[in-house]
Amino acid sequence: MKERLGKLMPCPTCGYRTDTNSAVGPMPLQSKAGDASICLRCGQLLLLELDMVGLRFRLPTVLELVDLRANPTIEQLLESWVSAFHRTPETRTA
């Protein structure tokens, strides 16, 4: 399920810009600070953060990355990304 974010937001790892966020769950999707995302280009796990201009992607901290990787849904999404793009996803942290 996809939601238009209303602005182009770059991945802090590779710079890929997107204005769409996908999620697993019921519609209507309402992206909010703290939600996780995966960059379609590099596979980096990202978090949405609210700043003065609105939502933006940021890298997770080491502890956030550990929590994200412990989530079976996140692991399934990463496995799907690897299957689709045949690459190893990025795992940078802030």
PDB file of N, CA and C in Angstrom:
ATOM      1  N   MET A   1       0.834  -1.162   0.000  1.00  0.00           N
ATOM      2  CA  MET A   1       0.000   0.000   0.000  1.00  0.00           C
ATOM      3  C   MET A   1       0.885   1.233   0.000  1.00  0.00           C
ATOM      4  N   LYS A   2       0.536   2.210  -0.791  1.00  0.00           N
ATOM      5  CA  LYS A   2       1.389   3.378  -0.951  1.00  0.00           C
ATOM      6  C   LYS A   2       0.696   4.652  -0.512  1.00  0.00           C
ATOM      7  N   GLU A   3       1.509   5.573  -0.022  1.00  0.00           N
ATOM      8  CA  GLU A   3       1.038   6.887   0.374  1.00  0.00           C
ATOM      9  C   GLU A   3       1.958   7.929  -0.250  1.00  0.00           C
ATOM     10  N   ARG A   4       1.382   8.950  -0.846  1.00  0.00           N
ATOM     11  CA  ARG A   4       2.157  10.080  -1.347  1.00  0.00           C
ATOM     12  C   ARG A   4       2.552  10.949  -0.168  1.00  0.00           C
ATOM     13  N   LEU A   5       3.833  11.268  -0.061  1.00  0.00           N
ATOM     14  CA  LEU A   5       4.333  12.053   1.059  1.00  0.00           C
ATOM     15  C   LEU A   5       4.227  13.557   0.828  1.00  0.00           C
ATOM     16  N   GLY A   6       3.972  13.971  -0.401  1.00  0.00           N
ATOM     17  CA  GLY A   6       3.788  15.381  -0.683  1.00  0.00           C
ATOM     18  C   GLY A   6       5.053  16.138  -1.019  1.00  0.00           C
ATOM     19  N   LYS A   7       6.208  15.518  -0.877  1.00  0.00           N
ATOM     20  CA  LYS A   7       7.469  16.156  -1.244  1.00  0.00           C
ATOM     21  C   LYS A   7       8.497  15.065  -1.518  1.00  0.00           C
ATOM     22  N   LEU A   8       9.513  15.392  -2.294  1.00  0.00           N
ATOM     23  CA  LEU A   8      10.601  14.460  -2.537  1.00  0.00           C
ATOM     24  C   LEU A   8      11.512  14.437  -1.325  1.00  0.00           C
ATOM     25  N   MET A   9      11.785  13.240  -0.822  1.00  0.00           N
ATOM     26  CA  MET A   9      12.667  13.101   0.341  1.00  0.00           C
ATOM     27  C   MET A   9      13.829  12.196  -0.046  1.00  0.00           C
ATOM     28  N   PRO A  10      15.076  12.642   0.197  1.00  0.00           N
ATOM     29  CA  PRO A  10      16.231  11.835  -0.174  1.00  0.00           C
ATOM     30  C   PRO A  10      16.593  10.800   0.891  1.00  0.00           C
ATOM     31  N   CYS A  11      17.122   9.684   0.431  1.00  0.00           N
ATOM     32  CA  CYS A  11      17.719   8.695   1.325  1.00  0.00           C
ATOM     33  C   CYS A  11      19.043   9.294   1.815  1.00  0.00           C
ATOM     34  N   PRO A  12      19.303   9.302   3.116  1.00  0.00           N
ATOM     35  CA  PRO A  12      20.555   9.867   3.606  1.00  0.00           C
ATOM     36  C   PRO A  12      21.787   9.039   3.247  1.00  0.00           C
ATOM     37  N   THR A  13      21.592   7.812   2.772  1.00  0.00           N
ATOM     38  CA  THR A  13      22.720   6.963   2.390  1.00  0.00           C
ATOM     39  C   THR A  13      23.102   7.136   0.928  1.00  0.00           C
ATOM     40  N   CYS A  14      22.133   7.008   0.019  1.00  0.00           N
ATOM     41  CA  CYS A  14      22.459   7.008  -1.413  1.00  0.00           C
ATOM     42  C   CYS A  14      21.915   8.222  -2.162  1.00  0.00           C
ATOM     43  N   GLY A  15      21.050   9.019  -1.522  1.00  0.00           N
ATOM     44  CA  GLY A  15      20.492  10.200  -2.158  1.00  0.00           C
ATOM     45  C   GLY A  15      19.268   9.954  -3.021  1.00  0.00           C
ATOM     46  N   TYR A  16      18.847   8.687  -3.159  1.00  0.00           N
ATOM     47  CA  TYR A  16      17.645   8.388  -3.941  1.00  0.00           C
ATOM     48  C   TYR A  16      16.477   9.169  -3.373  1.00  0.00           C
ATOM     49  N   ARG A  17      15.755   9.862  -4.242  1.00  0.00           N
ATOM     50  CA  ARG A  17      14.642  10.712  -3.805  1.00  0.00           C
ATOM     51  C   ARG A  17      13.308  10.059  -4.156  1.00  0.00           C
ATOM     52  N   THR A  18      12.414  10.042  -3.187  1.00  0.00           N
ATOM     53  CA  THR A  18      11.095   9.461  -3.398  1.00  0.00           C
ATOM     54  C   THR A  18      10.032  10.349  -2.758  1.00  0.00           C
ATOM     55  N   ASP A  19       8.844  10.293  -3.317  1.00  0.00           N
ATOM     56  CA  ASP A  19       7.721  11.000  -2.699  1.00  0.00           C
ATOM     57  C   ASP A  19       6.630  10.016  -2.287  1.00  0.00           C
ATOM     58  N   THR A  20       6.989   8.730  -2.234  1.00  0.00           N
ATOM     59  CA  THR A  20       6.026   7.684  -1.922  1.00  0.00           C
ATOM     60  C   THR A  20       6.563   6.824  -0.789  1.00  0.00           C
ATOM     61  N   ASN A  21       5.708   6.449   0.117  1.00  0.00           N
ATOM     62  CA  ASN A  21       6.058   5.563   1.209  1.00  0.00           C
ATOM     63  C   ASN A  21       5.116   4.373   1.144  1.00  0.00           C
ATOM     64  N   SER A  22       5.639   3.186   1.337  1.00  0.00           N
ATOM     65  CA  SER A  22       4.822   1.972   1.354  1.00  0.00           C
ATOM     66  C   SER A  22       4.803   1.422   2.766  1.00  0.00           C
ATOM     67  N   ALA A  23       3.736   0.732   3.091  1.00  0.00           N
ATOM     68  CA  ALA A  23       3.626   0.165   4.434  1.00  0.00           C
ATOM     69  C   ALA A  23       2.842  -1.130   4.392  1.00  0.00           C
ATOM     70  N   VAL A  24       3.036  -1.895   5.440  1.00  0.00           N
ATOM     71  CA  VAL A  24       2.256  -3.105   5.643  1.00  0.00           C
ATOM     72  C   VAL A  24       1.199  -2.746   6.671  1.00  0.00           C
ATOM     73  N   GLY A  25      -0.057  -2.815   6.281  1.00  0.00           N
ATOM     74  CA  GLY A  25      -1.121  -2.478   7.207  1.00  0.00           C
ATOM     75  C   GLY A  25      -2.329  -1.933   6.482  1.00  0.00           C
ATOM     76  N   PRO A  26      -3.332  -1.568   7.259  1.00  0.00           N
ATOM     77  CA  PRO A  26      -4.582  -1.095   6.659  1.00  0.00           C
ATOM     78  C   PRO A  26      -4.446   0.315   6.088  1.00  0.00           C
ATOM     79  N   MET A  27      -5.285   0.618   5.116  1.00  0.00           N
ATOM     80  CA  MET A  27      -5.356   1.961   4.557  1.00  0.00           C
ATOM     81  C   MET A  27      -6.468   2.699   5.291  1.00  0.00           C
ATOM     82  N   PRO A  28      -6.480   4.009   5.372  1.00  0.00           N
ATOM     83  CA  PRO A  28      -5.493   4.878   4.754  1.00  0.00           C
ATOM     84  C   PRO A  28      -4.214   4.920   5.590  1.00  0.00           C
ATOM     85  N   LEU A  29      -3.113   4.936   4.891  1.00  0.00           N
ATOM     86  CA  LEU A  29      -1.801   4.987   5.521  1.00  0.00           C
ATOM     87  C   LEU A  29      -1.510   6.413   5.969  1.00  0.00           C
ATOM     88  N   GLN A  30      -1.071   6.587   7.173  1.00  0.00           N
ATOM     89  CA  GLN A  30      -0.692   7.898   7.690  1.00  0.00           C
ATOM     90  C   GLN A  30       0.725   7.801   8.238  1.00  0.00           C
ATOM     91  N   SER A  31       1.716   8.138   7.411  1.00  0.00           N
ATOM     92  CA  SER A  31       3.106   8.083   7.860  1.00  0.00           C
ATOM     93  C   SER A  31       3.321   9.083   8.977  1.00  0.00           C
ATOM     94  N   LYS A  32       4.121   8.663   9.966  1.00  0.00           N
ATOM     95  CA  LYS A  32       4.390   9.531  11.102  1.00  0.00           C
ATOM     96  C   LYS A  32       5.814   9.310  11.589  1.00  0.00           C
ATOM     97  N   ALA A  33       6.295  10.251  12.381  1.00  0.00           N
ATOM     98  CA  ALA A  33       7.636  10.145  12.953  1.00  0.00           C
ATOM     99  C   ALA A  33       7.774   8.810  13.689  1.00  0.00           C
ATOM    100  N   GLY A  34       8.902   8.161  13.477  1.00  0.00           N
ATOM    101  CA  GLY A  34       9.164   6.875  14.110  1.00  0.00           C
ATOM    102  C   GLY A  34       8.873   5.679  13.228  1.00  0.00           C
ATOM    103  N   ASP A  35       8.110   5.878  12.139  1.00  0.00           N
ATOM    104  CA  ASP A  35       7.832   4.779  11.220  1.00  0.00           C
ATOM    105  C   ASP A  35       9.106   4.386  10.477  1.00  0.00           C
ATOM    106  N   ALA A  36       9.245   3.108  10.201  1.00  0.00           N
ATOM    107  CA  ALA A  36      10.407   2.595   9.476  1.00  0.00           C
ATOM    108  C   ALA A  36      10.113   2.523   7.982  1.00  0.00           C
ATOM    109  N   SER A  37      11.168   2.609   7.191  1.00  0.00           N
ATOM    110  CA  SER A  37      11.067   2.509   5.744  1.00  0.00           C
ATOM    111  C   SER A  37      12.343   1.855   5.225  1.00  0.00           C
ATOM    112  N   ILE A  38      12.307   1.430   3.975  1.00  0.00           N
ATOM    113  CA  ILE A  38      13.485   0.849   3.321  1.00  0.00           C
ATOM    114  C   ILE A  38      13.677   1.587   2.005  1.00  0.00           C
ATOM    115  N   CYS A  39      14.894   2.070   1.765  1.00  0.00           N
ATOM    116  CA  CYS A  39      15.183   2.735   0.495  1.00  0.00           C
ATOM    117  C   CYS A  39      15.126   1.712  -0.631  1.00  0.00           C
ATOM    118  N   LEU A  40      14.389   2.041  -1.697  1.00  0.00           N
ATOM    119  CA  LEU A  40      14.278   1.118  -2.821  1.00  0.00           C
ATOM    120  C   LEU A  40      15.581   0.959  -3.587  1.00  0.00           C
ATOM    121  N   ARG A  41      16.440   1.982  -3.586  1.00  0.00           N
ATOM    122  CA  ARG A  41      17.686   1.881  -4.337  1.00  0.00           C
ATOM    123  C   ARG A  41      18.766   1.097  -3.583  1.00  0.00           C
ATOM    124  N   CYS A  42      19.029   1.465  -2.311  1.00  0.00           N
ATOM    125  CA  CYS A  42      20.167   0.859  -1.607  1.00  0.00           C
ATOM    126  C   CYS A  42      19.768  -0.134  -0.520  1.00  0.00           C
ATOM    127  N   GLY A  43      18.480  -0.197  -0.156  1.00  0.00           N
ATOM    128  CA  GLY A  43      18.028  -1.139   0.856  1.00  0.00           C
ATOM    129  C   GLY A  43      18.295  -0.696   2.285  1.00  0.00           C
ATOM    130  N   GLN A  44      18.720   0.543   2.467  1.00  0.00           N
ATOM    131  CA  GLN A  44      18.991   1.056   3.808  1.00  0.00           C
ATOM    132  C   GLN A  44      17.704   1.125   4.618  1.00  0.00           C
ATOM    133  N   LEU A  45      17.761   0.650   5.847  1.00  0.00           N
ATOM    134  CA  LEU A  45      16.649   0.842   6.766  1.00  0.00           C
ATOM    135  C   LEU A  45      16.667   2.298   7.214  1.00  0.00           C
ATOM    136  N   LEU A  46      15.514   2.940   7.171  1.00  0.00           N
ATOM    137  CA  LEU A  46      15.391   4.352   7.509  1.00  0.00           C
ATOM    138  C   LEU A  46      14.259   4.558   8.493  1.00  0.00           C
ATOM    139  N   LEU A  47      14.317   5.657   9.202  1.00  0.00           N
ATOM    140  CA  LEU A  47      13.219   6.066  10.071  1.00  0.00           C
ATOM    141  C   LEU A  47      12.722   7.425   9.623  1.00  0.00           C
ATOM    142  N   LEU A  48      11.423   7.640   9.751  1.00  0.00           N
ATOM    143  CA  LEU A  48      10.859   8.959   9.483  1.00  0.00           C
ATOM    144  C   LEU A  48      11.001   9.798  10.740  1.00  0.00           C
ATOM    145  N   GLU A  49      11.390  11.048  10.528  1.00  0.00           N
ATOM    146  CA  GLU A  49      11.584  11.977  11.638  1.00  0.00           C
ATOM    147  C   GLU A  49      10.881  13.280  11.291  1.00  0.00           C
ATOM    148  N   LEU A  50      10.281  13.910  12.275  1.00  0.00           N
ATOM    149  CA  LEU A  50       9.622  15.189  12.075  1.00  0.00           C
ATOM    150  C   LEU A  50      10.591  16.297  12.461  1.00  0.00           C
ATOM    151  N   ASP A  51      10.844  17.209  11.507  1.00  0.00           N
ATOM    152  CA  ASP A  51      11.670  18.373  11.811  1.00  0.00           C
ATOM    153  C   ASP A  51      10.860  19.631  11.517  1.00  0.00           C
ATOM    154  N   MET A  52      11.501  20.774  11.457  1.00  0.00           N
ATOM    155  CA  MET A  52      10.782  22.039  11.277  1.00  0.00           C
ATOM    156  C   MET A  52      10.021  22.133   9.962  1.00  0.00           C
ATOM    157  N   VAL A  53      10.467  21.401   8.927  1.00  0.00           N
ATOM    158  CA  VAL A  53       9.801  21.467   7.629  1.00  0.00           C
ATOM    159  C   VAL A  53       8.905  20.277   7.346  1.00  0.00           C
ATOM    160  N   GLY A  54       8.795  19.358   8.260  1.00  0.00           N
ATOM    161  CA  GLY A  54       7.953  18.190   8.054  1.00  0.00           C
ATOM    162  C   GLY A  54       8.719  16.893   8.216  1.00  0.00           C
ATOM    163  N   LEU A  55       8.177  15.838   7.634  1.00  0.00           N
ATOM    164  CA  LEU A  55       8.816  14.524   7.732  1.00  0.00           C
ATOM    165  C   LEU A  55      10.050  14.453   6.852  1.00  0.00           C
ATOM    166  N   ARG A  56      11.041  13.702   7.310  1.00  0.00           N
ATOM    167  CA  ARG A  56      12.235  13.419   6.522  1.00  0.00           C
ATOM    168  C   ARG A  56      12.771  12.062   6.951  1.00  0.00           C
ATOM    169  N   PHE A  57      13.557  11.439   6.063  1.00  0.00           N
ATOM    170  CA  PHE A  57      14.196  10.172   6.387  1.00  0.00           C
ATOM    171  C   PHE A  57      15.482  10.436   7.153  1.00  0.00           C
ATOM    172  N   ARG A  58      15.776   9.560   8.112  1.00  0.00           N
ATOM    173  CA  ARG A  58      17.060   9.609   8.798  1.00  0.00           C
ATOM    174  C   ARG A  58      17.549   8.190   9.032  1.00  0.00           C
ATOM    175  N   LEU A  59      18.861   8.075   9.269  1.00  0.00           N
ATOM    176  CA  LEU A  59      19.436   6.778   9.592  1.00  0.00           C
ATOM    177  C   LEU A  59      19.067   6.404  11.023  1.00  0.00           C
ATOM    178  N   PRO A  60      18.857   5.126  11.283  1.00  0.00           N
ATOM    179  CA  PRO A  60      18.596   4.711  12.661  1.00  0.00           C
ATOM    180  C   PRO A  60      19.884   4.719  13.479  1.00  0.00           C
ATOM    181  N   THR A  61      19.743   4.881  14.783  1.00  0.00           N
ATOM    182  CA  THR A  61      20.891   4.715  15.666  1.00  0.00           C
ATOM    183  C   THR A  61      21.209   3.217  15.736  1.00  0.00           C
ATOM    184  N   VAL A  62      22.309   2.877  16.363  1.00  0.00           N
ATOM    185  CA  VAL A  62      22.682   1.465  16.498  1.00  0.00           C
ATOM    186  C   VAL A  62      21.588   0.705  17.255  1.00  0.00           C
ATOM    187  N   LEU A  63      21.102   1.270  18.342  1.00  0.00           N
ATOM    188  CA  LEU A  63      20.053   0.589  19.122  1.00  0.00           C
ATOM    189  C   LEU A  63      18.756   0.458  18.336  1.00  0.00           C
ATOM    190  N   GLU A  64      18.395   1.494  17.577  1.00  0.00           N
ATOM    191  CA  GLU A  64      17.197   1.410  16.743  1.00  0.00           C
ATOM    192  C   GLU A  64      17.364   0.348  15.667  1.00  0.00           C
ATOM    193  N   LEU A  65      18.558   0.251  15.083  1.00  0.00           N
ATOM    194  CA  LEU A  65      18.810  -0.757  14.061  1.00  0.00           C
ATOM    195  C   LEU A  65      18.688  -2.164  14.641  1.00  0.00           C
ATOM    196  N   VAL A  66      19.188  -2.365  15.842  1.00  0.00           N
ATOM    197  CA  VAL A  66      19.059  -3.668  16.513  1.00  0.00           C
ATOM    198  C   VAL A  66      17.585  -3.998  16.705  1.00  0.00           C
ATOM    199  N   ASP A  67      16.786  -3.028  17.170  1.00  0.00           N
ATOM    200  CA  ASP A  67      15.348  -3.251  17.353  1.00  0.00           C
ATOM    201  C   ASP A  67      14.657  -3.553  16.026  1.00  0.00           C
ATOM    202  N   LEU A  68      14.998  -2.788  14.977  1.00  0.00           N
ATOM    203  CA  LEU A  68      14.389  -3.010  13.666  1.00  0.00           C
ATOM    204  C   LEU A  68      14.707  -4.404  13.150  1.00  0.00           C
ATOM    205  N   ARG A  69      15.960  -4.825  13.292  1.00  0.00           N
ATOM    206  CA  ARG A  69      16.366  -6.131  12.758  1.00  0.00           C
ATOM    207  C   ARG A  69      15.783  -7.283  13.567  1.00  0.00           C
ATOM    208  N   ALA A  70      15.298  -7.025  14.773  1.00  0.00           N
ATOM    209  CA  ALA A  70      14.655  -8.064  15.585  1.00  0.00           C
ATOM    210  C   ALA A  70      13.190  -8.246  15.203  1.00  0.00           C
ATOM    211  N   ASN A  71      12.661  -7.348  14.384  1.00  0.00           N
ATOM    212  CA  ASN A  71      11.262  -7.400  13.964  1.00  0.00           C
ATOM    213  C   ASN A  71      11.135  -8.342  12.761  1.00  0.00           C
ATOM    214  N   PRO A  72      10.368  -9.438  12.883  1.00  0.00           N
ATOM    215  CA  PRO A  72      10.255 -10.398  11.775  1.00  0.00           C
ATOM    216  C   PRO A  72       9.688  -9.784  10.495  1.00  0.00           C
ATOM    217  N   THR A  73       8.790  -8.810  10.616  1.00  0.00           N
ATOM    218  CA  THR A  73       8.229  -8.165   9.424  1.00  0.00           C
ATOM    219  C   THR A  73       9.311  -7.396   8.678  1.00  0.00           C
ATOM    220  N   ILE A  74      10.149  -6.677   9.410  1.00  0.00           N
ATOM    221  CA  ILE A  74      11.258  -5.935   8.789  1.00  0.00           C
ATOM    222  C   ILE A  74      12.200  -6.911   8.098  1.00  0.00           C
ATOM    223  N   GLU A  75      12.508  -8.015   8.743  1.00  0.00           N
ATOM    224  CA  GLU A  75      13.407  -9.006   8.137  1.00  0.00           C
ATOM    225  C   GLU A  75      12.808  -9.574   6.850  1.00  0.00           C
ATOM    226  N   GLN A  76      11.500  -9.834   6.835  1.00  0.00           N
ATOM    227  CA  GLN A  76      10.846 -10.334   5.621  1.00  0.00           C
ATOM    228  C   GLN A  76      10.909  -9.292   4.505  1.00  0.00           C
ATOM    229  N   LEU A  77      10.695  -8.016   4.848  1.00  0.00           N
ATOM    230  CA  LEU A  77      10.775  -6.960   3.842  1.00  0.00           C
ATOM    231  C   LEU A  77      12.191  -6.840   3.278  1.00  0.00           C
ATOM    232  N   LEU A  78      13.205  -6.943   4.148  1.00  0.00           N
ATOM    233  CA  LEU A  78      14.588  -6.896   3.666  1.00  0.00           C
ATOM    234  C   LEU A  78      14.895  -8.091   2.762  1.00  0.00           C
ATOM    235  N   GLU A  79      14.410  -9.261   3.133  1.00  0.00           N
ATOM    236  CA  GLU A  79      14.609 -10.447   2.289  1.00  0.00           C
ATOM    237  C   GLU A  79      13.942 -10.261   0.927  1.00  0.00           C
ATOM    238  N   SER A  80      12.762  -9.653   0.915  1.00  0.00           N
ATOM    239  CA  SER A  80      12.081  -9.375  -0.355  1.00  0.00           C
ATOM    240  C   SER A  80      12.882  -8.396  -1.193  1.00  0.00           C
ATOM    241  N   TRP A  81      13.448  -7.369  -0.552  1.00  0.00           N
ATOM    242  CA  TRP A  81      14.275  -6.390  -1.265  1.00  0.00           C
ATOM    243  C   TRP A  81      15.495  -7.082  -1.879  1.00  0.00           C
ATOM    244  N   VAL A  82      16.145  -7.944  -1.098  1.00  0.00           N
ATOM    245  CA  VAL A  82      17.315  -8.674  -1.600  1.00  0.00           C
ATOM    246  C   VAL A  82      16.920  -9.555  -2.779  1.00  0.00           C
ATOM    247  N   SER A  83      15.782 -10.244  -2.687  1.00  0.00           N
ATOM    248  CA  SER A  83      15.317 -11.091  -3.790  1.00  0.00           C
ATOM    249  C   SER A  83      15.041 -10.282  -5.051  1.00  0.00           C
ATOM    250  N   ALA A  84      14.458  -9.097  -4.875  1.00  0.00           N
ATOM    251  CA  ALA A  84      14.101  -8.266  -6.024  1.00  0.00           C
ATOM    252  C   ALA A  84      15.319  -7.627  -6.676  1.00  0.00           C
ATOM    253  N   PHE A  85      16.296  -7.208  -5.873  1.00  0.00           N
ATOM    254  CA  PHE A  85      17.422  -6.454  -6.412  1.00  0.00           C
ATOM    255  C   PHE A  85      18.740  -7.221  -6.421  1.00  0.00           C
ATOM    256  N   HIS A  86      18.775  -8.415  -5.806  1.00  0.00           N
ATOM    257  CA  HIS A  86      19.951  -9.282  -5.824  1.00  0.00           C
ATOM    258  C   HIS A  86      21.205  -8.572  -5.308  1.00  0.00           C
ATOM    259  N   ARG A  87      21.030  -7.794  -4.223  1.00  0.00           N
ATOM    260  CA  ARG A  87      22.154  -7.096  -3.609  1.00  0.00           C
ATOM    261  C   ARG A  87      22.018  -7.187  -2.096  1.00  0.00           C
ATOM    262  N   THR A  88      23.084  -6.847  -1.395  1.00  0.00           N
ATOM    263  CA  THR A  88      23.052  -6.770   0.050  1.00  0.00           C
ATOM    264  C   THR A  88      22.642  -5.362   0.450  1.00  0.00           C
ATOM    265  N   PRO A  89      21.634  -5.222   1.333  1.00  0.00           N
ATOM    266  CA  PRO A  89      21.202  -3.883   1.734  1.00  0.00           C
ATOM    267  C   PRO A  89      22.251  -3.177   2.589  1.00  0.00           C
ATOM    268  N   GLU A  90      22.190  -1.860   2.597  1.00  0.00           N
ATOM    269  CA  GLU A  90      23.057  -1.038   3.444  1.00  0.00           C
ATOM    270  C   GLU A  90      22.647  -1.220   4.901  1.00  0.00           C
ATOM    271  N   THR A  91      23.580  -1.020   5.813  1.00  0.00           N
ATOM    272  CA  THR A  91      23.255  -1.102   7.245  1.00  0.00           C
ATOM    273  C   THR A  91      23.973   0.010   8.008  1.00  0.00           C
ATOM    274  N   ARG A  92      23.961   1.198   7.470  1.00  0.00           N
ATOM    275  CA  ARG A  92      24.601   2.336   8.152  1.00  0.00           C
ATOM    276  C   ARG A  92      23.722   2.799   9.312  1.00  0.00           C
ATOM    277  N   THR A  93      24.376   3.434  10.273  1.00  0.00           N
ATOM    278  CA  THR A  93      23.660   4.023  11.395  1.00  0.00           C
ATOM    279  C   THR A  93      24.087   5.472  11.563  1.00  0.00           C
ATOM    280  N   ALA A  94      23.273   6.213  12.267  1.00  0.00           N
ATOM    281  CA  ALA A  94      23.569   7.630  12.518  1.00  0.00           C
ATOM    282  C   ALA A  94      24.657   7.770  13.551  1.00  0.00           C
TER     283      ALA A  94
END
